[in-house]
Amino acid sequence: MFSKLPGLLYLFYCNCKLSLDRDMAYRADFFLNLLISLVFTSMGPIVQYLIFTQTNGYPGWNTDQILLFQGILLLSMGFNNTVLSEVRGKAVDIMRNGDFDRYLIKPFPAIGLLLVGGFSLKHVGSLIAGTVITTYMLVKMHLTPSFLDIVLFLWFIAAAVFVYMGLTIIFCGLVIVLIQMGRLGDFFNNVLRFAGYPTEIYSGLFRTAFVTLLPLAVLAYFPTQALLHRLDWNMVWGSFGALLIFVLSLKFWNRCIHKYTSAGG
């Protein structure tokens, strides 16, 4: 797939352009949905603030820091959902409709075609809200990230994309094997919800897993720590687990492809 990367990036650009054209054709509907998305996604930090102030909070975190964490979570998840949110639904549809064969005869890897077709503006409200909250909290807390902090922050955001892509590829592979998905989509969504809390609240085994083996911490925890100037360099090494998840997911996908039975027999 990597040798086809330039072509896939161009296809991604074309898909983004088509998606934007479709959304702009009904601008009133688009901006209404955007407003609703902004309202609902902004509720997350408010709920976390209420939980934090009405309980003992999270060890090592104050109110401003947890709001910064929530802002970065919205930014990270908003970006990933904007770029990849349509992939899972599309994978389910093409398998149920027997259209997957068309992907196999195209000059690009099937999983690459699925990934580059995942762009949607439905979740851009989360991205906007996350960017605004993160910027506001940085100003309020008088935080001035150094060049290294910014580089590490961007690296963790990129690593989060690899984790999200890896989980999405695993989902698509399971679609090939199972076809009838049931509530597997809900299971994947629930797994991602573990990224919505600082790792300090988890026990030793789970914390180690979310930092290394299944590094969900790259979605919000690691980039927040980078901006707060309290990054443990073990987190940097742990973030490379995101690349491992991505590589293993591609191997899993290839194994699932070999089990695929064409709709035409």
Protein backbone atom coordinates (compact mmCIF):
# COMPACT_ATOMS: atom_id res chain seq x y z
CA MET A 1 0.00 0.00 0.00
CA PHE A 2 2.87 2.38 0.78
CA SER A 3 4.09 2.40 -2.85
CA LYS A 4 0.63 3.62 -3.85
CA LEU A 5 0.62 6.37 -1.22
CA PRO A 6 0.95 9.38 -3.60
CA GLY A 7 -2.01 8.17 -5.65
CA LEU A 8 -4.06 7.48 -2.53
CA LEU A 9 -3.34 10.97 -1.21
CA TYR A 10 -4.58 12.42 -4.49
CA LEU A 11 -7.75 10.31 -4.24
CA PHE A 12 -8.20 11.56 -0.69
CA TYR A 13 -7.95 15.15 -1.95
CA CYS A 14 -10.55 14.42 -4.65
CA ASN A 15 -12.90 12.77 -2.14
CA CYS A 16 -12.56 15.74 0.23
CA LYS A 17 -13.38 18.12 -2.61
CA LEU A 18 -16.46 16.11 -3.62
CA SER A 19 -17.63 15.93 0.00
CA LEU A 20 -17.25 19.70 0.39
CA ASP A 21 -19.16 20.30 -2.84
CA ARG A 22 -22.02 18.08 -1.63
CA ASP A 23 -22.20 19.83 1.73
CA MET A 24 -22.06 23.31 0.21
CA ALA A 25 -24.95 22.44 -2.11
CA TYR A 26 -27.23 22.64 0.94
CA ARG A 27 -25.52 25.34 2.96
CA ALA A 28 -28.38 26.10 5.34
CA ASP A 29 -28.62 22.42 6.30
CA PHE A 30 -24.85 22.20 6.67
CA PHE A 31 -24.53 25.22 8.95
CA LEU A 32 -27.51 24.12 11.05
CA ASN A 33 -25.91 20.70 11.55
CA LEU A 34 -22.61 22.42 12.34
CA LEU A 35 -24.28 24.55 15.02
CA ILE A 36 -25.96 21.50 16.56
CA SER A 37 -22.65 19.62 16.49
CA LEU A 38 -20.86 22.51 18.22
CA VAL A 39 -23.49 22.61 20.97
CA PHE A 40 -23.46 18.88 21.64
CA THR A 41 -19.68 18.44 21.51
CA SER A 42 -19.22 21.38 23.89
CA MET A 43 -21.34 19.52 26.43
CA GLY A 44 -18.50 17.04 27.00
CA PRO A 45 -16.15 19.47 28.77
CA ILE A 46 -19.09 20.88 30.75
CA VAL A 47 -20.05 17.40 31.99
CA GLN A 48 -16.42 16.64 32.87
CA TYR A 49 -16.19 19.96 34.73
CA LEU A 50 -19.29 19.12 36.78
CA ILE A 51 -17.99 15.63 37.56
CA PHE A 52 -14.59 17.02 38.48
CA THR A 53 -15.94 19.70 40.82
CA GLN A 54 -18.48 17.42 42.52
CA THR A 55 -16.01 14.60 43.22
CA ASN A 56 -12.42 14.26 44.34
CA GLY A 57 -11.33 14.86 40.75
CA TYR A 58 -8.43 13.05 39.12
CA PRO A 59 -5.05 12.59 40.84
CA GLY A 60 -2.57 15.24 39.72
CA TRP A 61 -5.08 17.31 37.75
CA ASN A 62 -6.77 20.62 38.52
CA THR A 63 -9.86 22.07 36.84
CA ASP A 64 -8.04 24.10 34.18
CA GLN A 65 -5.84 21.16 33.25
CA ILE A 66 -8.78 18.79 32.84
CA LEU A 67 -10.57 21.33 30.64
CA LEU A 68 -7.43 21.57 28.49
CA PHE A 69 -7.45 17.77 28.34
CA GLN A 70 -11.07 17.80 27.18
CA GLY A 71 -10.33 20.43 24.56
CA ILE A 72 -7.48 18.36 23.13
CA LEU A 73 -9.67 15.25 23.21
CA LEU A 74 -12.33 17.04 21.15
CA LEU A 75 -9.68 18.34 18.75
CA SER A 76 -8.07 14.92 18.29
CA MET A 77 -11.29 12.94 17.97
CA GLY A 78 -12.84 15.66 15.81
CA PHE A 79 -9.93 15.49 13.38
CA ASN A 80 -9.97 11.69 13.20
CA ASN A 81 -13.73 11.55 12.78
CA THR A 82 -13.66 14.23 10.09
CA VAL A 83 -11.05 12.30 8.11
CA LEU A 84 -12.18 8.71 8.76
CA SER A 85 -15.74 8.65 10.12
CA GLU A 86 -17.34 7.28 6.94
CA VAL A 87 -15.02 4.27 6.59
CA ARG A 88 -16.79 1.84 8.91
CA GLY A 89 -20.26 2.53 7.56
CA LYS A 90 -19.01 2.27 3.99
CA ALA A 91 -17.29 -1.06 4.72
CA VAL A 92 -20.50 -2.51 6.16
CA ASP A 93 -22.57 -1.26 3.21
CA ILE A 94 -20.31 -2.60 0.45
CA MET A 95 -20.12 -6.03 2.10
CA ARG A 96 -23.88 -6.28 2.57
CA ASN A 97 -24.54 -5.09 -0.98
CA GLY A 98 -21.90 -7.34 -2.53
CA ASP A 99 -19.91 -4.41 -3.92
CA PHE A 100 -16.56 -5.29 -2.39
CA ASP A 101 -15.41 -7.10 -5.55
CA ARG A 102 -15.20 -3.73 -7.32
CA TYR A 103 -12.62 -2.57 -4.78
CA LEU A 104 -10.48 -5.65 -5.40
CA ILE A 105 -10.09 -5.04 -9.14
CA LYS A 106 -9.04 -1.40 -8.83
CA PRO A 107 -5.34 -0.41 -9.11
CA PHE A 108 -5.14 0.55 -5.44
CA PRO A 109 -5.32 -1.59 -2.28
CA ALA A 110 -8.91 -2.06 -1.14
CA ILE A 111 -8.21 -0.87 2.40
CA GLY A 112 -6.50 2.24 1.00
CA LEU A 113 -9.58 3.06 -1.06
CA LEU A 114 -11.78 2.65 2.00
CA LEU A 115 -9.59 4.89 4.14
CA VAL A 116 -9.31 7.74 1.63
CA GLY A 117 -13.09 7.74 1.22
CA GLY A 118 -13.76 8.39 4.89
CA PHE A 119 -13.82 12.21 4.88
CA SER A 120 -16.97 13.90 6.17
CA LEU A 121 -17.75 17.33 7.63
CA LYS A 122 -20.34 15.87 10.01
CA HIS A 123 -17.84 15.93 12.88
CA VAL A 124 -16.05 19.18 12.06
CA GLY A 125 -17.97 20.84 14.91
CA SER A 126 -15.98 18.75 17.38
CA LEU A 127 -12.74 19.81 15.69
CA ILE A 128 -13.69 23.49 15.87
CA ALA A 129 -14.87 23.27 19.48
CA GLY A 130 -11.71 21.42 20.49
CA THR A 131 -9.48 23.99 18.82
CA VAL A 132 -11.30 26.90 20.50
CA ILE A 133 -11.29 25.29 23.97
CA THR A 134 -7.63 24.28 23.70
CA THR A 135 -6.56 27.76 22.59
CA TYR A 136 -8.65 29.44 25.29
CA MET A 137 -7.24 27.24 28.06
CA LEU A 138 -3.66 27.78 26.89
CA VAL A 139 -4.20 31.54 27.09
CA LYS A 140 -6.02 31.34 30.42
CA MET A 141 -3.29 29.17 31.97
CA HIS A 142 -0.53 31.40 30.52
CA LEU A 143 1.08 28.40 28.84
CA THR A 144 3.62 29.14 26.15
CA PRO A 145 4.61 25.87 24.46
CA SER A 146 8.21 25.65 23.32
CA PHE A 147 9.13 24.50 19.84
CA LEU A 148 9.81 21.01 21.22
CA ASP A 149 6.44 20.97 22.98
CA ILE A 150 4.70 21.81 19.71
CA VAL A 151 6.64 19.15 17.79
CA LEU A 152 5.75 16.51 20.38
CA PHE A 153 2.13 17.66 20.44
CA LEU A 154 1.88 17.29 16.66
CA TRP A 155 3.64 13.92 16.82
CA PHE A 156 1.10 12.63 19.34
CA ILE A 157 -1.79 13.91 17.23
CA ALA A 158 -0.29 12.08 14.24
CA ALA A 159 0.16 8.95 16.37
CA ALA A 160 -3.51 9.22 17.34
CA VAL A 161 -4.40 9.07 13.64
CA PHE A 162 -2.45 5.81 13.32
CA VAL A 163 -4.26 4.33 16.32
CA TYR A 164 -7.63 5.39 14.94
CA MET A 165 -6.76 4.04 11.49
CA GLY A 166 -5.52 0.79 13.01
CA LEU A 167 -8.76 0.21 14.92
CA THR A 168 -10.76 1.14 11.82
CA ILE A 169 -8.82 -1.34 9.68
CA ILE A 170 -9.41 -4.08 12.26
CA PHE A 171 -13.11 -3.26 12.16
CA CYS A 172 -13.12 -3.50 8.35
CA GLY A 173 -11.31 -6.84 8.52
CA LEU A 174 -13.92 -8.19 10.90
CA VAL A 175 -16.64 -7.00 8.50
CA ILE A 176 -15.15 -9.29 5.85
CA VAL A 177 -15.13 -12.27 8.21
CA LEU A 178 -18.42 -11.71 10.02
CA ILE A 179 -20.53 -9.65 7.55
CA GLN A 180 -23.34 -9.48 10.14
CA MET A 181 -21.78 -7.04 12.58
CA GLY A 182 -24.36 -6.82 15.35
CA ARG A 183 -23.09 -4.34 17.93
CA LEU A 184 -19.41 -4.55 17.05
CA GLY A 185 -19.46 -0.88 16.06
CA ASP A 186 -20.66 0.04 19.54
CA PHE A 187 -17.84 -2.06 21.00
CA PHE A 188 -15.22 -0.09 19.07
CA ASN A 189 -16.82 3.20 20.14
CA ASN A 190 -16.72 2.07 23.77
CA VAL A 191 -13.04 1.16 23.45
CA LEU A 192 -12.29 4.69 22.24
CA ARG A 193 -14.13 6.14 25.25
CA PHE A 194 -11.28 4.95 27.48
CA ALA A 195 -9.21 7.73 25.91
CA GLY A 196 -11.55 10.30 27.46
CA TYR A 197 -9.95 10.12 30.91
CA PRO A 198 -6.43 10.64 32.27
CA THR A 199 -4.54 7.37 32.65
CA GLU A 200 -4.06 8.05 36.38
CA ILE A 201 -7.59 6.78 37.07
CA TYR A 202 -6.81 3.29 35.73
CA SER A 203 -5.14 0.46 37.60
CA GLY A 204 -1.56 -0.54 36.80
CA LEU A 205 -2.37 -3.18 34.17
CA PHE A 206 -4.90 -1.09 32.26
CA ARG A 207 -2.72 2.00 32.50
CA THR A 208 0.24 0.14 31.01
CA ALA A 209 -1.96 -1.20 28.21
CA PHE A 210 -3.37 2.23 27.32
CA VAL A 211 0.12 3.73 27.28
CA THR A 212 1.95 1.00 25.33
CA LEU A 213 0.08 -2.01 23.89
CA LEU A 214 -3.09 -0.14 22.92
CA PRO A 215 -1.88 3.45 23.24
CA LEU A 216 -5.21 5.24 23.49
CA ALA A 217 -3.35 7.79 25.60
CA VAL A 218 -2.04 9.40 22.40
CA LEU A 219 -5.55 10.68 21.65
CA ALA A 220 -5.53 13.24 24.46
CA TYR A 221 -3.39 12.34 27.48
CA PHE A 222 0.05 12.48 25.84
CA PRO A 223 -0.50 15.74 23.88
CA THR A 224 -1.95 17.38 27.00
CA GLN A 225 1.09 16.41 29.04
CA ALA A 226 3.32 17.83 26.32
CA LEU A 227 1.62 21.24 26.51
CA LEU A 228 1.68 21.16 30.33
CA HIS A 229 5.49 20.70 30.30
CA ARG A 230 5.29 17.49 32.31
CA LEU A 231 5.98 14.93 29.65
CA ASP A 232 7.63 11.67 30.63
CA TRP A 233 9.92 10.57 27.83
CA ASN A 234 8.59 7.04 28.27
CA MET A 235 5.39 8.46 26.76
CA VAL A 236 7.31 9.28 23.59
CA TRP A 237 8.50 5.70 23.31
CA GLY A 238 5.02 4.48 24.17
CA SER A 239 3.57 6.49 21.31
CA PHE A 240 5.46 4.30 18.85
CA GLY A 241 2.98 1.62 19.85
CA ALA A 242 0.57 3.51 17.60
CA LEU A 243 2.69 2.60 14.58
CA LEU A 244 2.77 -1.01 15.74
CA ILE A 245 -1.03 -1.07 16.00
CA PHE A 246 -1.26 0.25 12.44
CA VAL A 247 1.19 -2.29 11.02
CA LEU A 248 -0.49 -5.20 12.83
CA SER A 249 -3.90 -4.04 11.64
CA LEU A 250 -2.68 -4.18 8.02
CA LYS A 251 -1.44 -7.74 8.57
CA PHE A 252 -4.80 -8.64 10.11
CA TRP A 253 -6.58 -7.11 7.12
CA ASN A 254 -4.49 -9.16 4.68
CA ARG A 255 -5.39 -12.36 6.54
CA CYS A 256 -9.06 -11.44 6.43
CA ILE A 257 -8.86 -10.71 2.68
CA HIS A 258 -7.77 -14.31 2.10
CA LYS A 259 -10.98 -15.47 3.79
CA TYR A 260 -13.20 -13.29 1.63
CA THR A 261 -15.74 -15.11 -0.56
CA SER A 262 -16.89 -13.20 -3.63
CA ALA A 263 -20.56 -12.32 -3.86
CA GLY A 264 -20.46 -13.83 -7.32
CA GLY A 265 -19.39 -17.17 -5.94
